[in-house]
Amino acid sequence: MNLNKIIWNHLLKSYSLLQRSIQSRNKTCCDCCCNFCKDKVAIVTGGADGIGLECARELLRNGVRGCVIGDVSREKECMEELTKEFPPCKIVFKHCDVTNKCQFSELFKVASSQFCGLHILLNNAGILNDGEWEREIATNVTACVRGTYMGLECMSKSKGGEGGAIINVASILGMQHFAGSPVYVGTKHFLVGFDRSIGDPYHYDRTGVKIFTICPGVTITPMIHNADKFAHKEFESGMGKLLSDALASLPPQGPEAVAKGLIVMLNQGRSGSVWVSEGNEFYEVRIPDRRTFRVGCGCCS
């Protein structure tokens, strides 16, 4: 065999090995990184319409084997919507007010009894109603914390679970001030700080449960349509108009944009990360170190 033929055969063999290596890496990437939802079980709170319904739909499209939806209304409409596209055996709807501990815990029992596990919890239920700020805090803060801890109890590897992901739905208003709804803004700021803390590697390394925050911008949902009615008008009579005008100035999007972003985040995101969905764009944000915010002392200038 001449030298050129030996070199050519060696190059062909090397190329073939390289192709197999690339295919193997791509398969691993696809299996491990791009199919997070496949054969998983999910709970979605506030899942009867808006962002919650679209997220449930997208989770099912991406292969979850079971989805438990909790909400206070629209059971018939929700089930009719989803069963047009998915087998009814994959979906369970339970009446659930997340501020009611017993009703909330029932979602976890159903996930276990109906689908033999839990891997994804989307704490989506929330309200914008500064006029009833105590209920707003109970829904947006207390229920999310309770849900997160109940989810960790079920999913944590340290407690015999398989790991998974918990997503708390905050808002772009959780990263800025907003005069029209101070309490609502405060509840969403809380979620950003809570999720970044409980999503820290210190906790993830033990639990195997990633914690994410999604911060939607103005999303066309019933809550946004009625926003002006839910300002704290007893505090200041112009709050309703202030709130509605400010929201109208922001770029709108449909709830499906948030749902598609959810899948991207589950496949690519790290625990403790914060993601924004605004104006049909979806991206991770970096929260700067507080020391970069330092304002120079006037007396030193």
Protein backbone atom coordinates (compact mmCIF):
# COMPACT_ATOMS: atom_id res chain seq x y z
CA MET A 1 0.00 0.00 0.00
CA ASN A 2 1.54 3.34 -1.03
CA LEU A 3 2.06 6.19 1.44
CA ASN A 4 -0.68 8.43 -0.04
CA LYS A 5 -3.28 5.70 0.35
CA ILE A 6 -2.20 5.06 3.96
CA ILE A 7 -2.52 8.78 4.77
CA TRP A 8 -5.90 8.98 2.98
CA ASN A 9 -7.28 5.98 4.89
CA HIS A 10 -6.01 7.44 8.16
CA LEU A 11 -7.73 10.76 7.42
CA LEU A 12 -11.00 9.01 6.57
CA LYS A 13 -10.86 6.99 9.77
CA SER A 14 -10.11 10.12 11.83
CA TYR A 15 -12.97 12.01 10.14
CA SER A 16 -15.37 9.15 10.82
CA LEU A 17 -14.37 9.07 14.50
CA LEU A 18 -14.77 12.85 14.71
CA GLN A 19 -18.27 12.67 13.17
CA ARG A 20 -19.33 9.97 15.64
CA SER A 21 -17.93 12.03 18.52
CA ILE A 22 -19.87 15.13 17.39
CA GLN A 23 -23.07 13.11 16.96
CA SER A 24 -22.61 11.63 20.42
CA ARG A 25 -22.09 15.06 21.98
CA ASN A 26 -25.11 16.46 20.12
CA LYS A 27 -27.26 13.55 21.26
CA THR A 28 -26.13 14.07 24.85
CA CYS A 29 -26.83 17.78 24.61
CA CYS A 30 -30.28 17.18 23.16
CA ASP A 31 -31.16 14.51 25.70
CA CYS A 32 -29.84 16.34 28.74
CA CYS A 33 -30.33 20.00 27.89
CA CYS A 34 -33.13 20.27 25.35
CA ASN A 35 -35.71 17.86 26.73
CA PHE A 36 -36.14 18.95 30.32
CA CYS A 37 -39.92 18.50 30.17
CA LYS A 38 -39.99 15.02 28.65
CA ASP A 39 -41.80 12.50 30.88
CA LYS A 40 -41.97 15.00 33.75
CA VAL A 41 -44.92 15.91 35.98
CA ALA A 42 -45.87 19.57 36.44
CA ILE A 43 -48.09 21.67 38.70
CA VAL A 44 -49.27 25.06 37.41
CA THR A 45 -51.07 27.44 39.77
CA GLY A 46 -53.30 30.13 38.28
CA GLY A 47 -53.41 27.88 35.24
CA ALA A 48 -56.97 28.44 34.00
CA ASP A 49 -56.19 31.39 31.74
CA GLY A 50 -53.55 33.92 30.73
CA ILE A 51 -49.90 33.09 31.37
CA GLY A 52 -50.71 29.99 33.41
CA LEU A 53 -52.86 28.38 30.72
CA GLU A 54 -50.31 29.07 27.99
CA CYS A 55 -47.50 27.68 30.16
CA ALA A 56 -49.49 24.51 30.86
CA ARG A 57 -50.08 24.15 27.12
CA GLU A 58 -46.38 24.62 26.31
CA LEU A 59 -45.28 22.16 29.01
CA LEU A 60 -47.62 19.56 27.54
CA ARG A 61 -46.36 20.27 24.03
CA ASN A 62 -42.85 19.65 25.27
CA GLY A 63 -43.59 16.25 26.67
CA VAL A 64 -44.71 16.37 30.30
CA ARG A 65 -46.61 13.20 31.08
CA GLY A 66 -48.97 14.89 33.51
CA CYS A 67 -50.04 18.41 34.40
CA VAL A 68 -52.01 19.39 37.50
CA ILE A 69 -53.68 22.80 37.14
CA GLY A 70 -54.90 24.72 40.15
CA ASP A 71 -57.15 27.77 39.94
CA VAL A 72 -60.25 29.29 41.51
CA SER A 73 -62.42 29.32 38.35
CA ARG A 74 -62.77 28.47 34.65
CA GLU A 75 -62.32 24.70 35.06
CA LYS A 76 -64.65 23.86 32.16
CA GLU A 77 -63.14 26.44 29.79
CA CYS A 78 -59.57 25.42 30.70
CA MET A 79 -60.20 21.72 30.19
CA GLU A 80 -62.00 22.35 26.90
CA GLU A 81 -59.05 24.39 25.66
CA LEU A 82 -56.38 21.86 26.59
CA THR A 83 -58.21 18.68 25.63
CA LYS A 84 -58.56 19.97 22.07
CA GLU A 85 -54.82 19.29 21.77
CA PHE A 86 -53.90 16.79 24.51
CA PRO A 87 -55.34 13.56 25.94
CA PRO A 88 -57.55 14.24 28.99
CA CYS A 89 -55.62 11.60 30.95
CA LYS A 90 -52.61 13.97 31.01
CA ILE A 91 -54.47 16.86 32.69
CA VAL A 92 -56.08 17.26 36.10
CA PHE A 93 -57.83 20.46 37.18
CA LYS A 94 -58.31 21.14 40.89
CA HIS A 95 -60.09 24.08 42.46
CA CYS A 96 -57.33 25.83 44.40
CA ASP A 97 -57.02 29.12 46.20
CA VAL A 98 -53.27 29.21 46.87
CA THR A 99 -53.82 31.19 50.08
CA ASN A 100 -55.62 28.11 51.44
CA LYS A 101 -52.91 25.74 52.65
CA CYS A 102 -55.12 22.62 52.46
CA GLN A 103 -56.26 23.35 48.90
CA PHE A 104 -52.71 24.11 47.81
CA SER A 105 -51.27 20.94 49.35
CA GLU A 106 -53.93 18.93 47.52
CA LEU A 107 -52.24 19.73 44.21
CA PHE A 108 -49.10 17.93 45.38
CA LYS A 109 -51.11 14.93 46.55
CA VAL A 110 -52.82 14.70 43.16
CA ALA A 111 -49.50 14.92 41.30
CA SER A 112 -48.24 12.00 43.37
CA SER A 113 -51.38 9.85 43.19
CA GLN A 114 -52.26 10.49 39.53
CA PHE A 115 -48.84 10.78 37.93
CA CYS A 116 -46.44 9.24 40.48
CA GLY A 117 -44.16 12.20 41.00
CA LEU A 118 -43.41 15.89 40.62
CA HIS A 119 -40.62 17.59 38.71
CA ILE A 120 -41.85 21.08 37.76
CA LEU A 121 -43.76 23.59 39.87
CA LEU A 122 -44.89 26.86 38.31
CA ASN A 123 -46.05 29.27 41.01
CA ASN A 124 -47.96 31.52 38.64
CA ALA A 125 -51.02 32.51 40.71
CA GLY A 126 -50.88 36.18 41.59
CA ILE A 127 -53.02 39.29 41.86
CA LEU A 128 -52.61 43.00 41.24
CA ASN A 129 -54.82 44.67 43.82
CA ASP A 130 -53.21 47.25 46.08
CA GLY A 131 -56.70 48.12 47.31
CA GLU A 132 -56.66 44.73 49.08
CA TRP A 133 -52.97 44.70 49.89
CA GLU A 134 -53.17 42.07 52.65
CA ARG A 135 -54.71 39.54 50.24
CA GLU A 136 -52.19 40.63 47.62
CA ILE A 137 -49.29 39.83 49.95
CA ALA A 138 -50.90 36.53 50.97
CA THR A 139 -51.22 35.50 47.31
CA ASN A 140 -48.05 36.91 45.79
CA VAL A 141 -45.64 36.31 48.66
CA THR A 142 -46.87 33.85 51.31
CA ALA A 143 -48.35 31.38 48.82
CA CYS A 144 -45.22 31.43 46.65
CA VAL A 145 -43.01 30.74 49.65
CA ARG A 146 -45.32 27.95 50.82
CA GLY A 147 -45.44 26.46 47.33
CA THR A 148 -41.67 26.61 46.98
CA TYR A 149 -41.10 24.77 50.26
CA MET A 150 -43.80 22.18 49.48
CA GLY A 151 -42.20 21.68 46.07
CA LEU A 152 -38.77 21.21 47.61
CA GLU A 153 -40.22 18.70 50.05
CA CYS A 154 -41.48 16.62 47.12
CA MET A 155 -38.60 17.06 44.67
CA SER A 156 -35.43 17.44 46.74
CA LYS A 157 -32.90 14.65 46.22
CA SER A 158 -31.98 14.99 49.88
CA LYS A 159 -35.52 13.83 50.71
CA GLY A 160 -35.74 11.02 48.17
CA GLY A 161 -37.02 13.07 45.24
CA GLU A 162 -35.66 13.23 41.70
CA GLY A 163 -34.78 16.92 41.59
CA GLY A 164 -36.57 19.30 39.26
CA ALA A 165 -37.42 22.97 38.83
CA ILE A 166 -39.53 25.57 40.64
CA ILE A 167 -40.47 28.72 38.78
CA ASN A 168 -41.91 31.74 40.56
CA VAL A 169 -43.59 34.33 38.35
CA ALA A 170 -42.59 37.84 39.38
CA SER A 171 -42.73 40.90 37.09
CA ILE A 172 -40.50 43.47 35.46
CA LEU A 173 -41.85 45.68 38.25
CA GLY A 174 -39.83 43.50 40.61
CA MET A 175 -36.74 45.24 39.27
CA GLN A 176 -37.83 48.85 39.35
CA HIS A 177 -39.99 51.27 41.32
CA PHE A 178 -43.52 51.99 40.15
CA ALA A 179 -45.61 54.66 41.83
CA GLY A 180 -48.98 53.26 40.69
CA SER A 181 -48.86 50.00 42.69
CA PRO A 182 -46.30 50.11 45.53
CA VAL A 183 -47.46 46.94 47.32
CA TYR A 184 -47.63 44.85 44.14
CA VAL A 185 -44.15 46.06 43.23
CA GLY A 186 -42.90 45.15 46.70
CA THR A 187 -44.25 41.60 46.40
CA LYS A 188 -42.44 41.10 43.10
CA HIS A 189 -39.19 42.52 44.47
CA PHE A 190 -39.52 39.97 47.26
CA LEU A 191 -39.73 37.08 44.79
CA VAL A 192 -36.58 38.14 42.96
CA GLY A 193 -34.59 38.23 46.21
CA PHE A 194 -36.16 35.04 47.58
CA ASP A 195 -35.53 33.02 44.41
CA ARG A 196 -31.95 34.19 43.99
CA SER A 197 -31.26 33.20 47.59
CA ILE A 198 -32.99 29.82 47.68
CA GLY A 199 -31.69 29.10 44.19
CA ASP A 200 -28.08 29.55 45.33
CA PRO A 201 -25.69 26.64 44.60
CA TYR A 202 -25.55 25.99 48.37
CA HIS A 203 -29.18 24.81 48.17
CA TYR A 204 -29.17 23.42 44.61
CA ASP A 205 -26.22 21.11 45.29
CA ARG A 206 -28.24 19.50 48.08
CA THR A 207 -31.70 19.46 46.53
CA GLY A 208 -31.11 19.10 42.80
CA VAL A 209 -34.02 21.53 42.33
CA LYS A 210 -33.38 24.61 40.22
CA ILE A 211 -35.18 27.79 41.26
CA PHE A 212 -36.04 30.30 38.56
CA THR A 213 -37.71 33.70 38.38
CA ILE A 214 -39.65 34.85 35.33
CA CYS A 215 -40.41 38.57 35.16
CA PRO A 216 -43.09 39.19 32.52
CA GLY A 217 -43.64 42.65 31.15
CA VAL A 218 -47.11 43.89 30.24
CA THR A 219 -48.89 40.73 29.13
CA ILE A 220 -52.39 40.77 27.67
CA THR A 221 -54.30 39.02 30.46
CA PRO A 222 -57.49 39.75 32.46
CA MET A 223 -55.34 41.14 35.29
CA ILE A 224 -53.83 43.82 33.05
CA HIS A 225 -57.17 44.70 31.42
CA ASN A 226 -58.63 45.53 34.85
CA ALA A 227 -55.53 47.06 36.42
CA ASP A 228 -56.98 50.55 36.91
CA LYS A 229 -59.73 49.12 39.14
CA PHE A 230 -57.26 47.63 41.61
CA ALA A 231 -55.13 50.59 42.63
CA HIS A 232 -55.22 51.77 46.25
CA LYS A 233 -57.58 54.67 45.55
CA GLU A 234 -58.30 55.30 49.21
CA PHE A 235 -54.62 56.13 49.60
CA GLU A 236 -54.68 58.50 46.62
CA SER A 237 -57.63 58.98 44.25
CA GLY A 238 -55.51 59.31 41.12
CA MET A 239 -53.74 55.97 41.59
CA GLY A 240 -55.97 54.08 39.14
CA LYS A 241 -55.21 56.40 36.23
CA LEU A 242 -51.54 56.55 37.20
CA LEU A 243 -51.35 52.76 37.14
CA SER A 244 -53.22 52.23 33.86
CA ASP A 245 -51.34 55.03 32.05
CA ALA A 246 -47.97 53.70 33.17
CA LEU A 247 -48.79 50.14 32.09
CA ALA A 248 -50.08 51.40 28.73
CA SER A 249 -46.69 53.02 28.06
CA LEU A 250 -44.88 49.65 28.20
CA PRO A 251 -44.54 47.25 25.23
CA PRO A 252 -47.29 44.57 25.29
CA GLN A 253 -46.99 40.87 24.54
CA GLY A 254 -49.23 37.81 24.48
CA PRO A 255 -49.02 35.15 27.22
CA GLU A 256 -47.62 32.65 24.72
CA ALA A 257 -44.37 34.66 24.66
CA VAL A 258 -43.87 33.96 28.36
CA ALA A 259 -44.72 30.27 27.86
CA LYS A 260 -42.18 29.78 25.09
CA GLY A 261 -39.59 31.56 27.22
CA LEU A 262 -40.34 29.18 30.07
CA ILE A 263 -39.16 26.24 27.95
CA VAL A 264 -35.97 28.07 26.95
CA MET A 265 -35.25 28.82 30.61
CA LEU A 266 -35.89 25.24 31.76
CA ASN A 267 -33.54 23.90 29.10
CA GLN A 268 -30.75 26.43 29.46
CA GLY A 269 -31.03 28.27 32.78
CA ARG A 270 -29.01 27.93 35.96
CA SER A 271 -30.56 27.84 39.40
CA GLY A 272 -31.12 31.27 40.89
CA SER A 273 -31.28 32.97 37.52
CA VAL A 274 -33.75 35.75 36.70
CA TRP A 275 -35.35 36.03 33.25
CA VAL A 276 -37.37 38.78 31.60
CA SER A 277 -40.13 38.35 29.03
CA GLU A 278 -41.08 41.72 27.61
CA GLY A 279 -42.34 42.87 24.22
CA ASN A 280 -41.93 39.31 22.86
CA GLU A 281 -38.26 39.19 23.87
CA PHE A 282 -36.97 36.69 26.44
CA TYR A 283 -33.58 37.02 28.10
CA GLU A 284 -31.67 36.44 31.33
CA VAL A 285 -30.71 39.47 33.41
CA ARG A 286 -27.78 40.01 35.72
CA ILE A 287 -28.51 41.72 39.03
CA PRO A 288 -25.53 44.06 39.72
CA ASP A 289 -23.63 44.04 42.98
CA ARG A 290 -24.98 46.73 45.32
CA ARG A 291 -21.55 48.38 45.51
CA THR A 292 -21.84 49.40 41.88
CA PHE A 293 -24.89 51.49 42.87
CA ARG A 294 -22.96 53.60 45.34
CA VAL A 295 -23.70 57.30 45.08
CA GLY A 296 -20.76 59.64 45.69
CA CYS A 297 -20.94 61.68 48.91
CA GLY A 298 -21.55 65.32 48.08
CA CYS A 299 -19.36 66.48 50.94
CA CYS A 300 -16.35 64.76 49.33
CA SER A 301 -16.74 66.33 45.91
